[in-house]
C-alpha atoms as a PDB file:
ATOM      1  CA  MET A   1       5.770  16.813   2.079  1.00  0.00           C
ATOM      2  CA  ARG A   2       8.372  16.946  -0.515  1.00  0.00           C
ATOM      3  CA  LYS A   3       7.387  17.520  -4.285  1.00  0.00           C
ATOM      4  CA  SER A   4       8.646  13.768  -4.929  1.00  0.00           C
ATOM      5  CA  GLN A   5       6.327  12.567  -2.393  1.00  0.00           C
ATOM      6  CA  TRP A   6       3.324  14.156  -3.561  1.00  0.00           C
ATOM      7  CA  ILE A   7       3.654  13.331  -7.327  1.00  0.00           C
ATOM      8  CA  LEU A   8       3.972   9.627  -5.869  1.00  0.00           C
ATOM      9  CA  VAL A   9       0.876   9.882  -3.781  1.00  0.00           C
ATOM     10  CA  LEU A  10      -1.242  11.279  -6.626  1.00  0.00           C
ATOM     11  CA  VAL A  11      -0.015   8.942  -9.118  1.00  0.00           C
ATOM     12  CA  ALA A  12      -0.559   5.797  -6.799  1.00  0.00           C
ATOM     13  CA  SER A  13      -4.267   7.340  -6.625  1.00  0.00           C
ATOM     14  CA  VAL A  14      -5.129   7.517 -10.371  1.00  0.00           C
ATOM     15  CA  VAL A  15      -2.776   4.798 -12.116  1.00  0.00           C
ATOM     16  CA  VAL A  16      -5.101   1.741 -12.018  1.00  0.00           C
ATOM     17  CA  PHE A  17      -3.416  -0.874 -13.021  1.00  0.00           C
ATOM     18  CA  SER A  18      -0.539  -0.183 -10.408  1.00  0.00           C
ATOM     19  CA  LEU A  19      -3.614  -0.626  -8.010  1.00  0.00           C
ATOM     20  CA  TYR A  20      -4.617  -3.885  -9.760  1.00  0.00           C
ATOM     21  CA  VAL A  21      -0.941  -5.216  -9.579  1.00  0.00           C
ATOM     22  CA  PHE A  22      -0.930  -3.960  -5.516  1.00  0.00           C
ATOM     23  CA  GLY A  23      -1.558  -7.071  -3.668  1.00  0.00           C
ATOM     24  CA  ARG A  24       0.369  -9.731  -5.812  1.00  0.00           C
ATOM     25  CA  ILE A  25      -1.690 -12.214  -4.030  1.00  0.00           C
ATOM     26  CA  VAL A  26      -1.716 -15.760  -5.258  1.00  0.00           C
ATOM     27  CA  PRO A  27      -5.611 -16.651  -5.245  1.00  0.00           C
ATOM     28  CA  LYS A  28      -6.303 -19.296  -2.712  1.00  0.00           C
ATOM     29  CA  ASN A  29     -10.278 -20.391  -2.965  1.00  0.00           C
ATOM     30  CA  THR A  30     -10.422 -20.498   0.778  1.00  0.00           C
ATOM     31  CA  GLU A  31     -12.990 -19.275   3.028  1.00  0.00           C
ATOM     32  CA  MET A  32     -12.449 -18.238   6.623  1.00  0.00           C
ATOM     33  CA  PRO A  33     -14.728 -19.540   8.954  1.00  0.00           C
ATOM     34  CA  ASP A  34     -15.938 -16.121   9.593  1.00  0.00           C
ATOM     35  CA  ASN A  35     -18.875 -15.530   7.478  1.00  0.00           C
ATOM     36  CA  GLY A  36     -16.728 -17.575   4.544  1.00  0.00           C
ATOM     37  CA  GLN A  37     -14.260 -14.101   4.194  1.00  0.00           C
ATOM     38  CA  VAL A  38     -11.413 -14.391   1.745  1.00  0.00           C
ATOM     39  CA  ALA A  39      -8.103 -15.769   2.366  1.00  0.00           C
ATOM     40  CA  ALA A  40      -5.280 -15.449   0.513  1.00  0.00           C
ATOM     41  CA  ALA A  41      -1.986 -15.672   0.817  1.00  0.00           C
ATOM     42  CA  ASP A  42       1.420 -15.909  -0.839  1.00  0.00           C
ATOM     43  CA  ALA A  43       1.920 -19.964  -2.502  1.00  0.00           C
ATOM     44  CA  ALA A  44       5.653 -19.604  -1.633  1.00  0.00           C
ATOM     45  CA  GLY A  45       5.365 -18.321   2.076  1.00  0.00           C
ATOM     46  CA  GLN A  46       6.002 -15.114   3.388  1.00  0.00           C
ATOM     47  CA  ILE A  47       9.115 -13.601   1.787  1.00  0.00           C
ATOM     48  CA  ALA A  48      11.900 -12.279   4.143  1.00  0.00           C
ATOM     49  CA  PRO A  49      12.246  -8.479   4.059  1.00  0.00           C
ATOM     50  CA  ALA A  50      15.490  -7.314   2.647  1.00  0.00           C
ATOM     51  CA  ALA A  51      17.753  -5.979   4.998  1.00  0.00           C
ATOM     52  CA  LEU A  52      18.203  -1.961   6.072  1.00  0.00           C
ATOM     53  CA  GLU A  53      21.979  -2.445   5.509  1.00  0.00           C
ATOM     54  CA  ASP A  54      21.710  -4.030   1.899  1.00  0.00           C
ATOM     55  CA  ILE A  55      19.171  -1.688   0.770  1.00  0.00           C
ATOM     56  CA  VAL A  56      21.529   1.467   1.736  1.00  0.00           C
ATOM     57  CA  ALA A  57      24.858   0.090   0.345  1.00  0.00           C
ATOM     58  CA  LYS A  58      23.015  -0.764  -2.988  1.00  0.00           C
ATOM     59  CA  ALA A  59      21.595   3.000  -2.882  1.00  0.00           C
ATOM     60  CA  LYS A  60      24.970   4.413  -2.242  1.00  0.00           C
ATOM     61  CA  GLN A  61      26.587   2.909  -4.826  1.00  0.00           C
ATOM     62  CA  SER A  62      25.335   4.854  -7.787  1.00  0.00           C
ATOM     63  CA  LEU A  63      25.987   8.260  -5.659  1.00  0.00           C
ATOM     64  CA  ASN A  64      29.371  10.235  -5.991  1.00  0.00           C
ATOM     65  CA  PRO A  65      32.009   9.850  -2.897  1.00  0.00           C
ATOM     66  CA  ALA A  66      30.737  13.489  -1.756  1.00  0.00           C
ATOM     67  CA  LEU A  67      27.321  12.254  -1.259  1.00  0.00           C
ATOM     68  CA  GLN A  68      28.541   8.853   0.071  1.00  0.00           C
ATOM     69  CA  MET A  69      30.445  11.109   2.499  1.00  0.00           C
ATOM     70  CA  ARG A  70      27.783  13.664   3.316  1.00  0.00           C
ATOM     71  CA  ILE A  71      25.433  10.199   4.182  1.00  0.00           C
ATOM     72  CA  SER A  72      27.658   8.483   6.293  1.00  0.00           C
ATOM     73  CA  GLY A  73      28.205  11.496   8.158  1.00  0.00           C
ATOM     74  CA  PHE A  74      24.345  11.532   9.548  1.00  0.00           C
ATOM     75  CA  GLU A  75      24.633   8.084   9.807  1.00  0.00           C
ATOM     76  CA  ASN A  76      27.475   8.574  12.118  1.00  0.00           C
ATOM     77  CA  SER A  77      25.268  11.350  13.757  1.00  0.00           C
ATOM     78  CA  ILE A  78      22.545   9.101  14.990  1.00  0.00           C
ATOM     79  CA  THR A  79      25.168   5.977  16.214  1.00  0.00           C
ATOM     80  CA  ARG A  80      27.381   8.243  18.077  1.00  0.00           C
ATOM     81  CA  GLY A  81      24.271  10.800  19.371  1.00  0.00           C
ATOM     82  CA  ASP A  82      22.595  10.313  22.753  1.00  0.00           C
ATOM     83  CA  LEU A  83      20.544  13.336  22.432  1.00  0.00           C
ATOM     84  CA  ARG A  84      17.180  13.144  20.938  1.00  0.00           C
ATOM     85  CA  ASP A  85      17.262  16.094  19.258  1.00  0.00           C
ATOM     86  CA  GLN A  86      20.677  15.302  17.436  1.00  0.00           C
ATOM     87  CA  LYS A  87      19.172  11.942  16.101  1.00  0.00           C
ATOM     88  CA  LEU A  88      16.084  13.848  15.399  1.00  0.00           C
ATOM     89  CA  SER A  89      18.044  16.424  13.239  1.00  0.00           C
ATOM     90  CA  ALA A  90      19.883  13.656  11.926  1.00  0.00           C
ATOM     91  CA  TYR A  91      17.208  11.403  10.997  1.00  0.00           C
ATOM     92  CA  ASN A  92      15.162  14.445   9.155  1.00  0.00           C
ATOM     93  CA  ALA A  93      18.214  15.415   7.321  1.00  0.00           C
ATOM     94  CA  LEU A  94      18.573  11.955   5.770  1.00  0.00           C
ATOM     95  CA  ALA A  95      15.028  11.926   4.947  1.00  0.00           C
ATOM     96  CA  ARG A  96      15.441  15.186   2.993  1.00  0.00           C
ATOM     97  CA  LEU A  97      18.681  13.794   1.404  1.00  0.00           C
ATOM     98  CA  TRP A  98      17.332  10.475   0.072  1.00  0.00           C
ATOM     99  CA  ASP A  99      14.006  12.090  -1.085  1.00  0.00           C
ATOM    100  CA  SER A 100      16.248  14.906  -3.085  1.00  0.00           C
ATOM    101  CA  LEU A 101      17.903  11.356  -4.508  1.00  0.00           C
ATOM    102  CA  GLY A 102      14.142  10.386  -5.476  1.00  0.00           C
ATOM    103  CA  ASN A 103      14.869   7.047  -2.957  1.00  0.00           C
ATOM    104  CA  ILE A 104      11.027   7.267  -1.249  1.00  0.00           C
ATOM    105  CA  PRO A 105      11.678   4.010   0.581  1.00  0.00           C
ATOM    106  CA  LEU A 106      14.933   5.397   2.232  1.00  0.00           C
ATOM    107  CA  SER A 107      13.260   8.966   2.760  1.00  0.00           C
ATOM    108  CA  ALA A 108      10.036   7.213   4.452  1.00  0.00           C
ATOM    109  CA  TYR A 109      12.158   5.017   6.510  1.00  0.00           C
ATOM    110  CA  TYR A 110      14.253   7.908   7.739  1.00  0.00           C
ATOM    111  CA  LEU A 111      11.071   9.766   8.477  1.00  0.00           C
ATOM    112  CA  GLY A 112       9.414   6.930  10.190  1.00  0.00           C
ATOM    113  CA  GLU A 113      12.529   6.975  12.779  1.00  0.00           C
ATOM    114  CA  GLY A 114      12.273  10.444  13.408  1.00  0.00           C
ATOM    115  CA  ALA A 115       8.228   9.930  13.652  1.00  0.00           C
ATOM    116  CA  LYS A 116       9.026   7.307  16.470  1.00  0.00           C
ATOM    117  CA  LEU A 117      11.207   9.446  18.457  1.00  0.00           C
ATOM    118  CA  GLU A 118       8.612  12.240  18.401  1.00  0.00           C
ATOM    119  CA  ASN A 119       5.510   9.619  19.047  1.00  0.00           C
ATOM    120  CA  SER A 120       3.611  11.692  16.989  1.00  0.00           C
ATOM    121  CA  GLU A 121       0.436   9.800  15.322  1.00  0.00           C
ATOM    122  CA  ASN A 122       0.599  11.960  12.373  1.00  0.00           C
ATOM    123  CA  SER A 123       3.875  11.621  11.564  1.00  0.00           C
ATOM    124  CA  LEU A 124       3.989   7.740  11.839  1.00  0.00           C
ATOM    125  CA  THR A 125       0.745   7.708   9.754  1.00  0.00           C
ATOM    126  CA  PHE A 126       2.287   9.608   7.380  1.00  0.00           C
ATOM    127  CA  ALA A 127       5.874   7.682   6.940  1.00  0.00           C
ATOM    128  CA  ALA A 128       3.765   4.562   6.757  1.00  0.00           C
ATOM    129  CA  ASN A 129       1.749   5.570   3.673  1.00  0.00           C
ATOM    130  CA  LEU A 130       4.501   6.700   2.006  1.00  0.00           C
ATOM    131  CA  PHE A 131       5.948   2.935   2.234  1.00  0.00           C
ATOM    132  CA  LEU A 132       2.343   1.785   1.362  1.00  0.00           C
ATOM    133  CA  THR A 133       2.048   4.339  -1.544  1.00  0.00           C
ATOM    134  CA  HIS A 134       5.574   3.530  -3.125  1.00  0.00           C
ATOM    135  CA  MET A 135       5.102  -0.479  -2.827  1.00  0.00           C
ATOM    136  CA  PRO A 136       2.860  -1.106  -6.020  1.00  0.00           C
ATOM    137  CA  HIS A 137       5.679   0.455  -7.645  1.00  0.00           C
ATOM    138  CA  GLU A 138       8.993  -1.754  -5.768  1.00  0.00           C
ATOM    139  CA  GLN A 139       9.322  -5.014  -8.233  1.00  0.00           C
ATOM    140  CA  ASP A 140      11.828  -6.779  -6.086  1.00  0.00           C
ATOM    141  CA  ALA A 141      10.050  -8.969  -3.455  1.00  0.00           C
ATOM    142  CA  ALA A 142      12.587  -8.762  -0.592  1.00  0.00           C
ATOM    143  CA  ARG A 143      12.496  -5.001  -0.500  1.00  0.00           C
ATOM    144  CA  ARG A 144       8.407  -4.973  -0.694  1.00  0.00           C
ATOM    145  CA  ALA A 145       8.306  -6.993   1.983  1.00  0.00           C
ATOM    146  CA  TRP A 146      10.752  -4.841   3.934  1.00  0.00           C
ATOM    147  CA  GLU A 147       8.342  -1.664   3.390  1.00  0.00           C
ATOM    148  CA  ALA A 148       5.446  -3.568   4.253  1.00  0.00           C
ATOM    149  CA  THR A 149       7.249  -4.282   7.688  1.00  0.00           C
ATOM    150  CA  GLU A 150       8.065  -1.074   8.068  1.00  0.00           C
ATOM    151  CA  ALA A 151       4.877   0.581   7.335  1.00  0.00           C
ATOM    152  CA  GLN A 152       3.371  -2.270   9.646  1.00  0.00           C
ATOM    153  CA  GLY A 153       5.768  -1.302  12.824  1.00  0.00           C
ATOM    154  CA  LEU A 154       4.794   2.676  12.339  1.00  0.00           C
ATOM    155  CA  LEU A 155       1.030   1.950  12.222  1.00  0.00           C
ATOM    156  CA  GLN A 156       1.259  -0.351  15.312  1.00  0.00           C
ATOM    157  CA  GLN A 157       2.727   2.512  17.071  1.00  0.00           C
ATOM    158  CA  ALA A 158       0.410   4.858  15.577  1.00  0.00           C
ATOM    159  CA  SER A 159      -2.638   2.573  16.505  1.00  0.00           C
ATOM    160  CA  GLY A 160      -1.441   2.574  20.089  1.00  0.00           C
ATOM    161  CA  LEU A 161      -1.457   6.545  20.154  1.00  0.00           C
ATOM    162  CA  ASP A 162      -5.468   5.919  18.690  1.00  0.00           C
ATOM    163  CA  PRO A 163      -6.653   2.533  18.932  1.00  0.00           C
ATOM    164  CA  GLN A 164     -10.308   3.768  17.669  1.00  0.00           C
ATOM    165  CA  ASN A 165      -8.904   5.532  14.247  1.00  0.00           C
ATOM    166  CA  ASP A 166     -10.439   3.094  11.733  1.00  0.00           C
ATOM    167  CA  THR A 167      -8.376   4.806   9.023  1.00  0.00           C
ATOM    168  CA  ILE A 168      -5.036   3.574  10.884  1.00  0.00           C
ATOM    169  CA  GLN A 169      -6.714   0.177  11.190  1.00  0.00           C
ATOM    170  CA  VAL A 170      -7.456  -0.295   7.848  1.00  0.00           C
ATOM    171  CA  ALA A 171      -3.965   1.092   6.998  1.00  0.00           C
ATOM    172  CA  LEU A 172      -2.745  -1.577   9.357  1.00  0.00           C
ATOM    173  CA  ALA A 173      -4.724  -4.281   7.923  1.00  0.00           C
ATOM    174  CA  ASN A 174      -2.941  -3.122   4.458  1.00  0.00           C
ATOM    175  CA  SER A 175       0.292  -3.346   5.780  1.00  0.00           C
ATOM    176  CA  GLU A 176      -0.150  -6.825   7.423  1.00  0.00           C
ATOM    177  CA  VAL A 177      -1.787  -8.031   4.228  1.00  0.00           C
ATOM    178  CA  GLN A 178       1.205  -7.103   1.924  1.00  0.00           C
ATOM    179  CA  SER A 179       3.588  -8.422   4.602  1.00  0.00           C
ATOM    180  CA  GLY A 180       1.989 -12.114   4.453  1.00  0.00           C
ATOM    181  CA  ASN A 181      -0.098 -11.836   7.835  1.00  0.00           C
ATOM    182  CA  VAL A 182      -2.986 -11.946   5.346  1.00  0.00           C
ATOM    183  CA  MET A 183      -5.636 -13.659   7.414  1.00  0.00           C
ATOM    184  CA  GLN A 184      -4.702 -11.258  10.518  1.00  0.00           C
ATOM    185  CA  GLY A 185      -5.193  -7.903   8.057  1.00  0.00           C
ATOM    186  CA  VAL A 186      -8.695  -9.391   6.961  1.00  0.00           C
ATOM    187  CA  GLN A 187      -9.949 -10.129  10.764  1.00  0.00           C
ATOM    188  CA  ARG A 188      -8.966  -6.337  11.430  1.00  0.00           C
ATOM    189  CA  LEU A 189     -10.747  -5.077   8.555  1.00  0.00           C
ATOM    190  CA  LEU A 190     -13.658  -7.374   9.662  1.00  0.00           C
ATOM    191  CA  LYS A 191     -13.424  -5.574  13.108  1.00  0.00           C
ATOM    192  CA  VAL A 192     -13.749  -2.064  11.407  1.00  0.00           C
ATOM    193  CA  THR A 193     -16.928  -3.389   9.117  1.00  0.00           C
ATOM    194  CA  ALA A 194     -18.635  -4.497  12.390  1.00  0.00           C
ATOM    195  CA  THR A 195     -18.970  -1.258  13.601  1.00  0.00           C
ATOM    196  CA  ASP A 196     -18.859   0.670  10.320  1.00  0.00           C
ATOM    197  CA  PRO A 197     -20.448  -1.352   7.851  1.00  0.00           C
ATOM    198  CA  ASP A 198     -19.824   0.979   4.954  1.00  0.00           C
ATOM    199  CA  ASN A 199     -16.337   1.921   6.136  1.00  0.00           C
ATOM    200  CA  VAL A 200     -15.144   2.919   2.428  1.00  0.00           C
ATOM    201  CA  GLN A 201     -11.428   1.814   2.619  1.00  0.00           C
ATOM    202  CA  ALA A 202     -11.932  -1.355   4.676  1.00  0.00           C
ATOM    203  CA  ASN A 203     -15.094  -2.471   1.723  1.00  0.00           C
ATOM    204  CA  LEU A 204     -12.377  -1.349  -1.056  1.00  0.00           C
ATOM    205  CA  LEU A 205      -9.733  -3.901   0.663  1.00  0.00           C
ATOM    206  CA  LEU A 206     -12.199  -6.490   1.564  1.00  0.00           C
ATOM    207  CA  GLY A 207     -13.404  -6.181  -1.767  1.00  0.00           C
ATOM    208  CA  ARG A 208     -10.087  -6.639  -3.644  1.00  0.00           C
ATOM    209  CA  LEU A 209      -9.105  -9.687  -1.367  1.00  0.00           C
ATOM    210  CA  SER A 210     -12.096 -11.128  -2.310  1.00  0.00           C
ATOM    211  CA  VAL A 211     -11.354 -10.662  -6.166  1.00  0.00           C
ATOM    212  CA  THR A 212      -7.998 -12.246  -5.977  1.00  0.00           C
ATOM    213  CA  SER A 213      -9.114 -15.231  -4.185  1.00  0.00           C
ATOM    214  CA  GLY A 214     -11.969 -15.954  -6.432  1.00  0.00           C
ATOM    215  CA  GLN A 215     -15.057 -15.045  -3.991  1.00  0.00           C
ATOM    216  CA  TYR A 216     -16.828 -12.652  -6.879  1.00  0.00           C
ATOM    217  CA  ASP A 217     -19.909 -12.341  -5.164  1.00  0.00           C
ATOM    218  CA  LYS A 218     -18.638 -11.623  -1.957  1.00  0.00           C
ATOM    219  CA  ALA A 219     -16.090  -8.785  -4.219  1.00  0.00           C
ATOM    220  CA  VAL A 220     -19.406  -7.543  -5.911  1.00  0.00           C
ATOM    221  CA  GLU A 221     -21.389  -6.939  -2.353  1.00  0.00           C
ATOM    222  CA  ARG A 222     -18.310  -5.110  -0.757  1.00  0.00           C
ATOM    223  CA  LEU A 223     -17.118  -2.978  -3.762  1.00  0.00           C
ATOM    224  CA  GLN A 224     -20.695  -1.805  -4.320  1.00  0.00           C
ATOM    225  CA  LYS A 225     -20.605  -0.719  -0.855  1.00  0.00           C
ATOM    226  CA  VAL A 226     -18.025   1.565  -2.011  1.00  0.00           C
ATOM    227  CA  ILE A 227     -19.502   3.028  -5.108  1.00  0.00           C
ATOM    228  CA  ASN A 228     -22.870   3.884  -3.207  1.00  0.00           C
ATOM    229  CA  ARG A 229     -20.354   6.288  -1.369  1.00  0.00           C
ATOM    230  CA  GLN A 230     -18.350   7.225  -3.813  1.00  0.00           C
ATOM    231  CA  PRO A 231     -19.435   6.203  -7.191  1.00  0.00           C
ATOM    232  CA  ASP A 232     -16.449   7.711  -8.758  1.00  0.00           C
ATOM    233  CA  ASN A 233     -13.674   5.479  -7.064  1.00  0.00           C
ATOM    234  CA  THR A 234     -11.591   3.999  -9.683  1.00  0.00           C
ATOM    235  CA  GLU A 235     -10.025   1.190  -7.948  1.00  0.00           C
ATOM    236  CA  ALA A 236     -13.566  -0.258  -6.595  1.00  0.00           C
ATOM    237  CA  LEU A 237     -14.686   0.213 -10.118  1.00  0.00           C
ATOM    238  CA  TYR A 238     -11.901  -1.771 -11.646  1.00  0.00           C
ATOM    239  CA  PHE A 239     -12.211  -4.591  -9.289  1.00  0.00           C
ATOM    240  CA  LEU A 240     -16.155  -4.605  -9.531  1.00  0.00           C
ATOM    241  CA  ALA A 241     -15.516  -4.906 -13.450  1.00  0.00           C
ATOM    242  CA  GLU A 242     -12.924  -7.912 -12.642  1.00  0.00           C
ATOM    243  CA  ALA A 243     -15.848  -9.269 -10.732  1.00  0.00           C
ATOM    244  CA  TYR A 244     -18.347  -9.236 -13.304  1.00  0.00           C
ATOM    245  CA  LYS A 245     -16.077 -10.636 -15.607  1.00  0.00           C
ATOM    246  CA  ALA A 246     -14.977 -13.272 -13.899  1.00  0.00           C
ATOM    247  CA  THR A 247     -18.992 -14.387 -13.336  1.00  0.00           C
ATOM    248  CA  GLY A 248     -19.698 -13.936 -16.968  1.00  0.00           C
ATOM    249  CA  LYS A 249     -21.462 -10.712 -16.814  1.00  0.00           C
ATOM    250  CA  LYS A 250     -19.677  -9.474 -19.596  1.00  0.00           C
ATOM    251  CA  LYS A 251     -22.138  -6.409 -20.550  1.00  0.00           C
ATOM    252  CA  GLU A 252     -21.911  -5.070 -16.525  1.00  0.00           C
ATOM    253  CA  ALA A 253     -17.743  -5.663 -16.903  1.00  0.00           C
ATOM    254  CA  ILE A 254     -17.774  -3.693 -19.990  1.00  0.00           C
ATOM    255  CA  ALA A 255     -19.378  -0.965 -18.996  1.00  0.00           C
ATOM    256  CA  THR A 256     -17.618  -0.378 -15.892  1.00  0.00           C
ATOM    257  CA  PHE A 257     -14.433  -0.795 -17.752  1.00  0.00           C
ATOM    258  CA  GLU A 258     -15.590   2.002 -20.208  1.00  0.00           C
ATOM    259  CA  LYS A 259     -16.406   4.015 -16.684  1.00  0.00           C
ATOM    260  CA  VAL A 260     -13.088   3.609 -15.562  1.00  0.00           C
ATOM    261  CA  LYS A 261     -11.458   4.966 -18.602  1.00  0.00           C
ATOM    262  CA  THR A 262     -13.508   8.088 -18.601  1.00  0.00           C
ATOM    263  CA  LEU A 263     -12.524   8.643 -14.950  1.00  0.00           C
ATOM    264  CA  VAL A 264      -8.759   7.963 -15.546  1.00  0.00           C
ATOM    265  CA  HIS A 265      -8.157  10.033 -18.446  1.00  0.00           C
ATOM    266  CA  ASP A 266      -5.118   8.423 -19.508  1.00  0.00           C
ATOM    267  CA  THR A 267      -4.379   7.550 -23.291  1.00  0.00           C
ATOM    268  CA  GLY A 268      -1.975   4.475 -22.444  1.00  0.00           C
ATOM    269  CA  PHE A 269      -4.579   3.319 -20.075  1.00  0.00           C
ATOM    270  CA  SER A 270      -7.824   3.553 -22.319  1.00  0.00           C
ATOM    271  CA  LYS A 271      -5.817   1.332 -24.854  1.00  0.00           C
ATOM    272  CA  GLU A 272      -4.902  -1.183 -22.287  1.00  0.00           C
ATOM    273  CA  ILE A 273      -8.376  -1.437 -21.265  1.00  0.00           C
ATOM    274  CA  ASP A 274      -9.555  -1.388 -24.826  1.00  0.00           C
ATOM    275  CA  GLN A 275      -7.135  -4.465 -25.544  1.00  0.00           C
ATOM    276  CA  TYR A 276      -8.232  -5.934 -22.286  1.00  0.00           C
ATOM    277  CA  ILE A 277     -12.174  -5.737 -23.127  1.00  0.00           C
ATOM    278  CA  GLN A 278     -11.594  -7.337 -26.697  1.00  0.00           C
ATOM    279  CA  SER A 279      -9.995 -10.545 -25.065  1.00  0.00           C
ATOM    280  CA  PHE A 280     -12.960 -11.429 -23.410  1.00  0.00           C
ATOM    281  CA  LYS A 281     -15.718  -9.663 -25.500  1.00  0.00           C
END
């Protein structure tokens, strides 16, 4: 993994407010027929993903002519080449180059294209997780939809290689939720918890979705399962505090927010939490 990719993964795992913004799902108080599980969807419907050509063209605009020519050379190598190894070499070169320029989504895209050729479960899931990790930081909705769609395609291929892998299934469900296929993602998560009721990642995502849809009792149930297994899981604690706050349990909400502060160890974050607590205390 490249240095900037490691940094992105580490930051995303710690900064809880980014996780809170992550879903960007408009709450919709609708229950699923299956035990009333959460349903949440963007009020405007699914957003069309941005086109790769437009993303690449915009990224190239800020580069000097030499770099633009170098990138074009690798791109031409892909379109001209019929040999698998030639294409794979060009994909990897473009992934490294975009990574060195700090463009994680395009680096992930070319890593993903190489992973598709290799048909490697590890490479496919790695590239997909780069997309999913970057998505909270992407402000453009169309580009975010593109990242979700790319991640979904990679994870579908990985799932075909290892259909029983719950980690892949949860990641695929996450990509489905982020691409607007919320019900499909929720159903996939429910299949995971049907065979593994205490699955941390599935319960975490279901708990988060329950908060965004206003089903706070279900959120508490799901998130408490996570915390029973991982007492210091900051994302689960944050959303549990939100559920407590929404149901009028101010004392529990404040105590849980305070615990998140001690675990995150970030001055700016602590200040935001303090201000947030004062807003409902």
